[in-house]
Amino acid sequence: MKKNILDKTLATLKLERMALEIAERNTDATHIVLAGIRESGSVIAAKLLPLLQNTFDGRLSVVKVSLDKKNPDDVVIDTDLDFNDKVVIIVDDVANSGKTMTYALKPFLVYHPQKIQTLVLVERTHKTFPISADYVGLSVATTLQEHIFVESANDEIMGAYLQ
């Protein structure tokens, strides 16, 4: 059974709030990189960019991080960018166990970023890896059998549901 937990309007409000939080917590930054984990994480990162442009005076970049979530040995960033002295925010749609975000850190660890932070639209409470999101749109307590899905279409976040 599908239970809606976030619609498009509420998702937009959550993104606006998180953009303000990012600007507030990074006043010392000159460059923020939003690293969206494909596919929905990339959509969220792209949606955050114009929202951050309204509140953050520094430089902003968006990169896409690709990895096979079942076998995350190879993690690829779509852009050749120097991440030294930049704030890197790893963006994903849902944080379940923390595994995807843990592996998404891998390519950034060869640099010396100013900070690495994490952002998720929806967070669950079943962590098996030591990752906690710095920015959370919605936190949902679920059973291990339930799954959260974020729907995106045409580079828009349409909402999220629990199944």
N, C-alpha and C. Protein backbone atom coordinates (compact mmCIF):
# COMPACT_ATOMS: atom_id res chain seq x y z
N MET A 1 0.84 -1.18 0.00
CA MET A 1 0.00 0.00 0.00
C MET A 1 0.89 1.25 0.00
N LYS A 2 0.60 2.17 -0.87
CA LYS A 2 1.38 3.39 -1.05
C LYS A 2 0.79 4.51 -0.18
N LYS A 3 1.65 5.10 0.67
CA LYS A 3 1.21 6.19 1.55
C LYS A 3 2.06 7.42 1.28
N ASN A 4 1.43 8.47 0.76
CA ASN A 4 2.16 9.70 0.47
C ASN A 4 2.62 10.36 1.75
N ILE A 5 3.89 10.76 1.78
CA ILE A 5 4.43 11.44 2.96
C ILE A 5 4.91 12.85 2.62
N LEU A 6 5.02 13.15 1.33
CA LEU A 6 5.52 14.45 0.89
C LEU A 6 4.96 14.72 -0.50
N ASP A 7 4.32 15.86 -0.71
CA ASP A 7 3.88 16.21 -2.05
C ASP A 7 4.84 17.24 -2.64
N LYS A 8 4.61 17.64 -3.88
CA LYS A 8 5.52 18.55 -4.56
C LYS A 8 5.66 19.88 -3.83
N THR A 9 4.55 20.43 -3.34
CA THR A 9 4.57 21.71 -2.65
C THR A 9 5.38 21.62 -1.36
N LEU A 10 5.13 20.59 -0.57
CA LEU A 10 5.86 20.43 0.69
C LEU A 10 7.34 20.14 0.43
N ALA A 11 7.65 19.36 -0.60
CA ALA A 11 9.05 19.09 -0.95
C ALA A 11 9.77 20.39 -1.28
N THR A 12 9.11 21.28 -2.02
CA THR A 12 9.69 22.57 -2.37
C THR A 12 9.95 23.40 -1.12
N LEU A 13 9.00 23.41 -0.19
CA LEU A 13 9.19 24.15 1.07
C LEU A 13 10.37 23.59 1.86
N LYS A 14 10.51 22.27 1.88
CA LYS A 14 11.63 21.64 2.59
C LYS A 14 12.95 22.05 1.95
N LEU A 15 13.00 22.07 0.63
CA LEU A 15 14.23 22.46 -0.08
C LEU A 15 14.57 23.93 0.20
N GLU A 16 13.57 24.79 0.23
CA GLU A 16 13.80 26.21 0.53
C GLU A 16 14.38 26.37 1.93
N ARG A 17 13.82 25.64 2.90
CA ARG A 17 14.31 25.72 4.27
C ARG A 17 15.75 25.21 4.36
N MET A 18 16.04 24.08 3.68
CA MET A 18 17.39 23.53 3.72
C MET A 18 18.40 24.48 3.07
N ALA A 19 18.00 25.17 2.00
CA ALA A 19 18.89 26.14 1.35
C ALA A 19 19.25 27.26 2.33
N LEU A 20 18.28 27.73 3.09
CA LEU A 20 18.55 28.75 4.10
C LEU A 20 19.50 28.23 5.17
N GLU A 21 19.29 27.00 5.61
CA GLU A 21 20.18 26.39 6.61
C GLU A 21 21.61 26.28 6.09
N ILE A 22 21.74 25.87 4.83
CA ILE A 22 23.07 25.74 4.23
C ILE A 22 23.79 27.09 4.25
N ALA A 23 23.09 28.14 3.83
CA ALA A 23 23.69 29.48 3.82
C ALA A 23 24.05 29.93 5.23
N GLU A 24 23.19 29.65 6.20
CA GLU A 24 23.45 30.05 7.59
C GLU A 24 24.65 29.32 8.19
N ARG A 25 24.81 28.05 7.87
CA ARG A 25 25.88 27.24 8.47
C ARG A 25 27.21 27.36 7.74
N ASN A 26 27.21 28.05 6.61
CA ASN A 26 28.44 28.14 5.81
C ASN A 26 28.80 29.58 5.45
N THR A 27 28.62 30.48 6.40
CA THR A 27 28.93 31.88 6.14
C THR A 27 30.42 32.11 5.87
N ASP A 28 31.27 31.19 6.34
CA ASP A 28 32.71 31.30 6.13
C ASP A 28 33.17 30.70 4.80
N ALA A 29 32.27 30.10 4.06
CA ALA A 29 32.63 29.42 2.81
C ALA A 29 32.67 30.41 1.64
N THR A 30 33.57 30.13 0.70
CA THR A 30 33.62 30.92 -0.53
C THR A 30 33.09 30.13 -1.72
N HIS A 31 33.03 28.79 -1.57
CA HIS A 31 32.58 27.93 -2.67
C HIS A 31 31.89 26.70 -2.07
N ILE A 32 30.63 26.49 -2.46
CA ILE A 32 29.89 25.31 -2.05
C ILE A 32 29.64 24.44 -3.28
N VAL A 33 29.94 23.15 -3.13
CA VAL A 33 29.70 22.18 -4.19
C VAL A 33 28.57 21.26 -3.73
N LEU A 34 27.50 21.22 -4.52
CA LEU A 34 26.40 20.30 -4.26
C LEU A 34 26.66 19.04 -5.09
N ALA A 35 26.91 17.93 -4.42
CA ALA A 35 27.25 16.68 -5.09
C ALA A 35 26.05 15.75 -5.02
N GLY A 36 25.24 15.75 -6.06
CA GLY A 36 24.02 14.96 -6.09
C GLY A 36 24.29 13.53 -6.51
N ILE A 37 23.80 12.59 -5.71
CA ILE A 37 23.92 11.17 -6.05
C ILE A 37 22.81 10.85 -7.04
N ARG A 38 23.20 10.32 -8.20
CA ARG A 38 22.23 10.01 -9.25
C ARG A 38 21.17 9.07 -8.74
N GLU A 39 19.99 9.14 -9.13
CA GLU A 39 19.34 10.09 -10.00
C GLU A 39 18.63 11.17 -9.19
N SER A 40 17.83 10.79 -8.23
CA SER A 40 17.05 11.79 -7.48
C SER A 40 17.93 12.77 -6.71
N GLY A 41 19.06 12.32 -6.20
CA GLY A 41 19.96 13.24 -5.50
C GLY A 41 20.45 14.35 -6.40
N SER A 42 20.67 14.03 -7.68
CA SER A 42 21.09 15.04 -8.66
C SER A 42 19.97 16.04 -8.92
N VAL A 43 18.74 15.56 -8.96
CA VAL A 43 17.59 16.46 -9.16
C VAL A 43 17.47 17.40 -7.97
N ILE A 44 17.62 16.87 -6.77
CA ILE A 44 17.54 17.70 -5.56
C ILE A 44 18.65 18.74 -5.55
N ALA A 45 19.88 18.34 -5.89
CA ALA A 45 21.00 19.28 -5.93
C ALA A 45 20.72 20.40 -6.94
N ALA A 46 20.19 20.05 -8.10
CA ALA A 46 19.88 21.05 -9.13
C ALA A 46 18.78 22.00 -8.66
N LYS A 47 17.82 21.49 -7.90
CA LYS A 47 16.74 22.34 -7.37
C LYS A 47 17.25 23.26 -6.27
N LEU A 48 18.25 22.82 -5.53
CA LEU A 48 18.83 23.65 -4.46
C LEU A 48 19.65 24.82 -5.01
N LEU A 49 20.25 24.63 -6.18
CA LEU A 49 21.16 25.64 -6.74
C LEU A 49 20.51 27.03 -6.82
N PRO A 50 19.37 27.20 -7.50
CA PRO A 50 18.80 28.56 -7.56
C PRO A 50 18.32 29.07 -6.20
N LEU A 51 17.91 28.16 -5.33
CA LEU A 51 17.49 28.58 -3.99
C LEU A 51 18.69 29.12 -3.20
N LEU A 52 19.84 28.49 -3.36
CA LEU A 52 21.06 28.95 -2.68
C LEU A 52 21.58 30.25 -3.28
N GLN A 53 21.38 30.44 -4.57
CA GLN A 53 21.85 31.66 -5.22
C GLN A 53 21.17 32.89 -4.61
N ASN A 54 19.98 32.71 -4.05
CA ASN A 54 19.26 33.82 -3.41
C ASN A 54 19.82 34.17 -2.03
N THR A 55 20.54 33.23 -1.40
CA THR A 55 20.95 33.45 -0.01
C THR A 55 22.45 33.33 0.24
N PHE A 56 23.20 32.76 -0.69
CA PHE A 56 24.63 32.54 -0.50
C PHE A 56 25.41 33.41 -1.47
N ASP A 57 26.37 34.18 -0.95
CA ASP A 57 27.12 35.13 -1.78
C ASP A 57 28.30 34.52 -2.51
N GLY A 58 28.74 33.33 -2.11
CA GLY A 58 29.91 32.71 -2.72
C GLY A 58 29.58 32.00 -4.02
N ARG A 59 30.56 31.26 -4.48
CA ARG A 59 30.43 30.48 -5.72
C ARG A 59 29.71 29.17 -5.43
N LEU A 60 28.91 28.70 -6.38
CA LEU A 60 28.17 27.45 -6.25
C LEU A 60 28.43 26.57 -7.46
N SER A 61 28.56 25.27 -7.22
CA SER A 61 28.72 24.30 -8.30
C SER A 61 27.85 23.09 -7.98
N VAL A 62 27.44 22.41 -9.04
CA VAL A 62 26.70 21.15 -8.90
C VAL A 62 27.44 20.08 -9.67
N VAL A 63 27.70 18.95 -9.03
CA VAL A 63 28.30 17.81 -9.69
C VAL A 63 27.41 16.59 -9.45
N LYS A 64 27.55 15.60 -10.32
CA LYS A 64 26.80 14.36 -10.17
C LYS A 64 27.73 13.24 -9.75
N VAL A 65 27.28 12.48 -8.77
CA VAL A 65 28.05 11.35 -8.28
C VAL A 65 27.31 10.09 -8.71
N SER A 66 28.03 9.19 -9.37
CA SER A 66 27.42 7.94 -9.84
C SER A 66 28.06 6.75 -9.13
N LEU A 67 27.23 5.82 -8.69
CA LEU A 67 27.71 4.58 -8.12
C LEU A 67 26.61 3.55 -8.18
N ASP A 68 27.03 2.30 -8.22
CA ASP A 68 26.09 1.19 -8.17
C ASP A 68 25.80 0.94 -6.69
N LYS A 69 24.56 1.19 -6.28
CA LYS A 69 24.23 1.11 -4.85
C LYS A 69 24.37 -0.30 -4.28
N LYS A 70 24.27 -1.31 -5.13
CA LYS A 70 24.42 -2.69 -4.65
C LYS A 70 25.89 -3.11 -4.58
N ASN A 71 26.72 -2.54 -5.47
CA ASN A 71 28.15 -2.84 -5.51
C ASN A 71 28.92 -1.53 -5.70
N PRO A 72 29.10 -0.75 -4.63
CA PRO A 72 29.61 0.62 -4.76
C PRO A 72 31.13 0.76 -4.81
N ASP A 73 31.81 -0.15 -5.48
CA ASP A 73 33.27 -0.06 -5.56
C ASP A 73 33.74 1.14 -6.37
N ASP A 74 33.09 1.38 -7.51
CA ASP A 74 33.48 2.49 -8.37
C ASP A 74 32.53 3.66 -8.17
N VAL A 75 33.08 4.77 -7.71
CA VAL A 75 32.30 5.99 -7.52
C VAL A 75 32.88 7.03 -8.46
N VAL A 76 32.04 7.62 -9.31
CA VAL A 76 32.50 8.52 -10.35
C VAL A 76 31.82 9.88 -10.20
N ILE A 77 32.62 10.93 -10.32
CA ILE A 77 32.09 12.30 -10.34
C ILE A 77 32.12 12.77 -11.78
N ASP A 78 31.05 13.38 -12.25
CA ASP A 78 30.93 13.74 -13.67
C ASP A 78 31.77 14.93 -14.10
N THR A 79 32.36 15.66 -13.16
CA THR A 79 33.11 16.87 -13.47
C THR A 79 34.49 16.80 -12.83
N ASP A 80 35.48 17.24 -13.57
CA ASP A 80 36.84 17.30 -13.02
C ASP A 80 36.99 18.64 -12.32
N LEU A 81 36.84 18.63 -11.02
CA LEU A 81 36.86 19.85 -10.22
C LEU A 81 37.79 19.65 -9.03
N ASP A 82 38.49 20.68 -8.66
CA ASP A 82 39.35 20.64 -7.48
C ASP A 82 38.47 20.93 -6.26
N PHE A 83 38.36 19.98 -5.35
CA PHE A 83 37.48 20.12 -4.19
C PHE A 83 38.22 20.63 -2.95
N ASN A 84 39.49 20.97 -3.10
CA ASN A 84 40.25 21.50 -1.98
C ASN A 84 39.66 22.83 -1.52
N ASP A 85 39.56 23.00 -0.20
CA ASP A 85 39.08 24.23 0.43
C ASP A 85 37.66 24.63 0.03
N LYS A 86 36.87 23.67 -0.39
CA LYS A 86 35.48 23.95 -0.73
C LYS A 86 34.58 23.20 0.24
N VAL A 87 33.38 23.69 0.41
CA VAL A 87 32.38 22.96 1.18
C VAL A 87 31.68 22.02 0.21
N VAL A 88 31.74 20.73 0.49
CA VAL A 88 31.09 19.73 -0.35
C VAL A 88 29.88 19.22 0.41
N ILE A 89 28.73 19.29 -0.24
CA ILE A 89 27.50 18.77 0.36
C ILE A 89 27.02 17.62 -0.50
N ILE A 90 27.06 16.42 0.07
CA ILE A 90 26.60 15.22 -0.64
C ILE A 90 25.09 15.15 -0.48
N VAL A 91 24.38 15.08 -1.61
CA VAL A 91 22.93 15.18 -1.63
C VAL A 91 22.33 13.88 -2.13
N ASP A 92 21.37 13.34 -1.37
CA ASP A 92 20.64 12.15 -1.81
C ASP A 92 19.16 12.32 -1.48
N ASP A 93 18.35 11.46 -2.07
CA ASP A 93 16.92 11.57 -1.84
C ASP A 93 16.50 11.00 -0.50
N VAL A 94 16.94 9.77 -0.20
CA VAL A 94 16.54 9.08 1.03
C VAL A 94 17.78 8.50 1.70
N ALA A 95 17.88 8.69 3.01
CA ALA A 95 18.94 8.04 3.79
C ALA A 95 18.31 6.85 4.49
N ASN A 96 18.73 5.66 4.08
CA ASN A 96 18.24 4.44 4.72
C ASN A 96 19.28 3.95 5.72
N SER A 97 20.23 3.20 5.24
CA SER A 97 21.27 2.63 6.12
C SER A 97 22.48 3.55 6.27
N GLY A 98 22.66 4.49 5.35
CA GLY A 98 23.85 5.34 5.33
C GLY A 98 24.94 4.81 4.42
N LYS A 99 24.73 3.64 3.83
CA LYS A 99 25.74 2.99 2.99
C LYS A 99 26.06 3.81 1.74
N THR A 100 25.04 4.27 1.02
CA THR A 100 25.28 5.01 -0.21
C THR A 100 26.08 6.29 0.06
N MET A 101 25.70 7.01 1.09
CA MET A 101 26.42 8.25 1.41
C MET A 101 27.85 7.97 1.85
N THR A 102 28.05 6.88 2.58
CA THR A 102 29.40 6.52 2.99
C THR A 102 30.29 6.30 1.78
N TYR A 103 29.82 5.53 0.82
CA TYR A 103 30.60 5.27 -0.39
C TYR A 103 30.72 6.51 -1.28
N ALA A 104 29.72 7.38 -1.27
CA ALA A 104 29.78 8.60 -2.07
C ALA A 104 30.87 9.55 -1.58
N LEU A 105 31.30 9.40 -0.33
CA LEU A 105 32.39 10.21 0.21
C LEU A 105 33.74 9.90 -0.45
N LYS A 106 33.89 8.68 -0.91
CA LYS A 106 35.18 8.15 -1.37
C LYS A 106 35.97 9.09 -2.30
N PRO A 107 35.41 9.58 -3.39
CA PRO A 107 36.24 10.40 -4.29
C PRO A 107 36.63 11.76 -3.71
N PHE A 108 35.91 12.23 -2.71
CA PHE A 108 36.22 13.53 -2.12
C PHE A 108 37.35 13.45 -1.09
N LEU A 109 37.61 12.25 -0.61
CA LEU A 109 38.62 12.07 0.43
C LEU A 109 40.06 12.17 -0.07
N VAL A 110 40.26 12.19 -1.38
CA VAL A 110 41.61 12.41 -1.92
C VAL A 110 41.95 13.90 -1.95
N TYR A 111 40.96 14.74 -1.67
CA TYR A 111 41.15 16.19 -1.60
C TYR A 111 41.14 16.62 -0.13
N HIS A 112 41.21 17.91 0.07
CA HIS A 112 41.15 18.47 1.42
C HIS A 112 40.05 19.54 1.44
N PRO A 113 38.79 19.09 1.44
CA PRO A 113 37.70 20.07 1.46
C PRO A 113 37.67 20.84 2.78
N GLN A 114 37.09 22.02 2.74
CA GLN A 114 36.91 22.80 3.96
C GLN A 114 35.97 22.06 4.91
N LYS A 115 34.89 21.50 4.34
CA LYS A 115 33.91 20.72 5.09
C LYS A 115 33.27 19.74 4.12
N ILE A 116 32.80 18.63 4.67
CA ILE A 116 31.91 17.74 3.92
C ILE A 116 30.65 17.60 4.76
N GLN A 117 29.53 17.90 4.14
CA GLN A 117 28.24 17.80 4.81
C GLN A 117 27.32 16.91 3.98
N THR A 118 26.22 16.50 4.59
CA THR A 118 25.27 15.64 3.89
C THR A 118 23.87 16.22 3.98
N LEU A 119 23.08 15.97 2.93
CA LEU A 119 21.72 16.45 2.86
C LEU A 119 20.84 15.38 2.26
N VAL A 120 19.69 15.14 2.87
CA VAL A 120 18.70 14.21 2.32
C VAL A 120 17.33 14.84 2.41
N LEU A 121 16.50 14.52 1.44
CA LEU A 121 15.12 15.00 1.48
C LEU A 121 14.34 14.24 2.55
N VAL A 122 14.55 12.92 2.62
CA VAL A 122 13.85 12.10 3.61
C VAL A 122 14.87 11.21 4.32
N GLU A 123 14.79 11.19 5.64
CA GLU A 123 15.69 10.36 6.44
C GLU A 123 14.88 9.31 7.19
N ARG A 124 15.40 8.10 7.17
CA ARG A 124 14.83 7.01 7.97
C ARG A 124 15.68 6.82 9.21
N THR A 125 15.25 5.96 10.08
CA THR A 125 15.94 5.81 11.37
C THR A 125 16.64 4.47 11.50
N HIS A 126 17.08 3.88 10.39
CA HIS A 126 17.70 2.54 10.44
C HIS A 126 19.14 2.58 9.95
N LYS A 127 20.00 3.28 10.64
CA LYS A 127 21.38 3.42 10.21
C LYS A 127 22.21 2.19 10.57
N THR A 128 22.98 1.70 9.60
CA THR A 128 23.95 0.64 9.85
C THR A 128 25.37 1.14 9.53
N PHE A 129 25.46 2.35 8.96
CA PHE A 129 26.73 3.00 8.68
C PHE A 129 26.75 4.32 9.45
N PRO A 130 27.93 4.81 9.83
CA PRO A 130 28.01 5.98 10.71
C PRO A 130 27.80 7.32 10.00
N ILE A 131 26.69 7.46 9.33
CA ILE A 131 26.37 8.69 8.62
C ILE A 131 25.09 9.27 9.19
N SER A 132 25.13 10.54 9.54
CA SER A 132 23.89 11.22 9.89
C SER A 132 23.83 12.47 9.02
N ALA A 133 22.67 12.78 8.53
CA ALA A 133 22.51 13.90 7.61
C ALA A 133 22.59 15.23 8.38
N ASP A 134 23.32 16.17 7.80
CA ASP A 134 23.41 17.51 8.37
C ASP A 134 22.15 18.32 8.08
N TYR A 135 21.54 18.05 6.94
CA TYR A 135 20.32 18.75 6.52
C TYR A 135 19.28 17.69 6.16
N VAL A 136 18.13 17.77 6.79
CA VAL A 136 17.07 16.78 6.59
C VAL A 136 15.77 17.51 6.29
N GLY A 137 15.14 17.13 5.17
CA GLY A 137 13.84 17.70 4.85
C GLY A 137 12.75 17.13 5.74
N LEU A 138 12.72 15.80 5.85
CA LEU A 138 11.69 15.11 6.63
C LEU A 138 12.30 13.86 7.22
N SER A 139 12.09 13.66 8.51
CA SER A 139 12.56 12.45 9.18
C SER A 139 11.36 11.57 9.46
N VAL A 140 11.46 10.29 9.05
CA VAL A 140 10.32 9.38 9.17
C VAL A 140 10.76 8.10 9.87
N ALA A 141 10.02 7.72 10.90
CA ALA A 141 10.26 6.45 11.57
C ALA A 141 9.52 5.37 10.78
N THR A 142 10.24 4.34 10.38
CA THR A 142 9.63 3.26 9.60
C THR A 142 10.05 1.91 10.16
N THR A 143 9.37 0.88 9.69
CA THR A 143 9.82 -0.47 10.01
C THR A 143 10.86 -0.86 8.98
N LEU A 144 11.61 -1.90 9.25
CA LEU A 144 12.62 -2.37 8.29
C LEU A 144 11.98 -2.87 7.00
N GLN A 145 10.73 -3.30 7.05
CA GLN A 145 10.06 -3.82 5.87
C GLN A 145 9.52 -2.71 4.97
N GLU A 146 9.38 -1.52 5.48
CA GLU A 146 8.84 -0.41 4.69
C GLU A 146 9.97 0.26 3.90
N HIS A 147 9.59 0.84 2.78
CA HIS A 147 10.55 1.53 1.92
C HIS A 147 10.01 2.91 1.58
N ILE A 148 10.91 3.86 1.43
CA ILE A 148 10.54 5.21 1.03
C ILE A 148 11.06 5.45 -0.38
N PHE A 149 10.20 6.00 -1.21
CA PHE A 149 10.54 6.30 -2.60
C PHE A 149 10.30 7.78 -2.86
N VAL A 150 11.28 8.45 -3.47
CA VAL A 150 11.12 9.84 -3.89
C VAL A 150 10.89 9.81 -5.39
N GLU A 151 9.81 10.45 -5.81
CA GLU A 151 9.47 10.49 -7.24
C GLU A 151 9.95 11.80 -7.85
N SER A 152 10.60 11.68 -9.00
CA SER A 152 11.00 12.87 -9.74
C SER A 152 10.63 12.67 -11.20
N ALA A 153 10.27 13.76 -11.84
CA ALA A 153 9.93 13.73 -13.26
C ALA A 153 10.28 15.08 -13.87
N ASN A 154 10.92 15.07 -15.03
CA ASN A 154 11.30 16.30 -15.72
C ASN A 154 12.07 17.25 -14.80
N ASP A 155 13.04 16.70 -14.08
CA ASP A 155 13.89 17.48 -13.17
C ASP A 155 13.11 18.20 -12.08
N GLU A 156 11.99 17.63 -11.68
CA GLU A 156 11.18 18.15 -10.58
C GLU A 156 10.98 17.05 -9.55
N ILE A 157 10.98 17.42 -8.28
CA ILE A 157 10.63 16.47 -7.23
C ILE A 157 9.12 16.49 -7.12
N MET A 158 8.50 15.35 -7.38
CA MET A 158 7.04 15.26 -7.38
C MET A 158 6.48 14.91 -6.01
N GLY A 159 7.32 14.29 -5.16
CA GLY A 159 6.88 13.92 -3.82
C GLY A 159 7.59 12.66 -3.35
N ALA A 160 7.12 12.14 -2.22
CA ALA A 160 7.70 10.93 -1.67
C ALA A 160 6.58 10.10 -1.06
N TYR A 161 6.77 8.79 -1.08
CA TYR A 161 5.78 7.91 -0.48
C TYR A 161 6.44 6.74 0.22
N LEU A 162 5.67 6.17 1.13
CA LEU A 162 6.10 5.05 1.94
C LEU A 162 5.35 3.82 1.43
N GLN A 163 6.05 2.72 1.31
CA GLN A 163 5.40 1.48 0.85
C GLN A 163 5.90 0.31 1.65
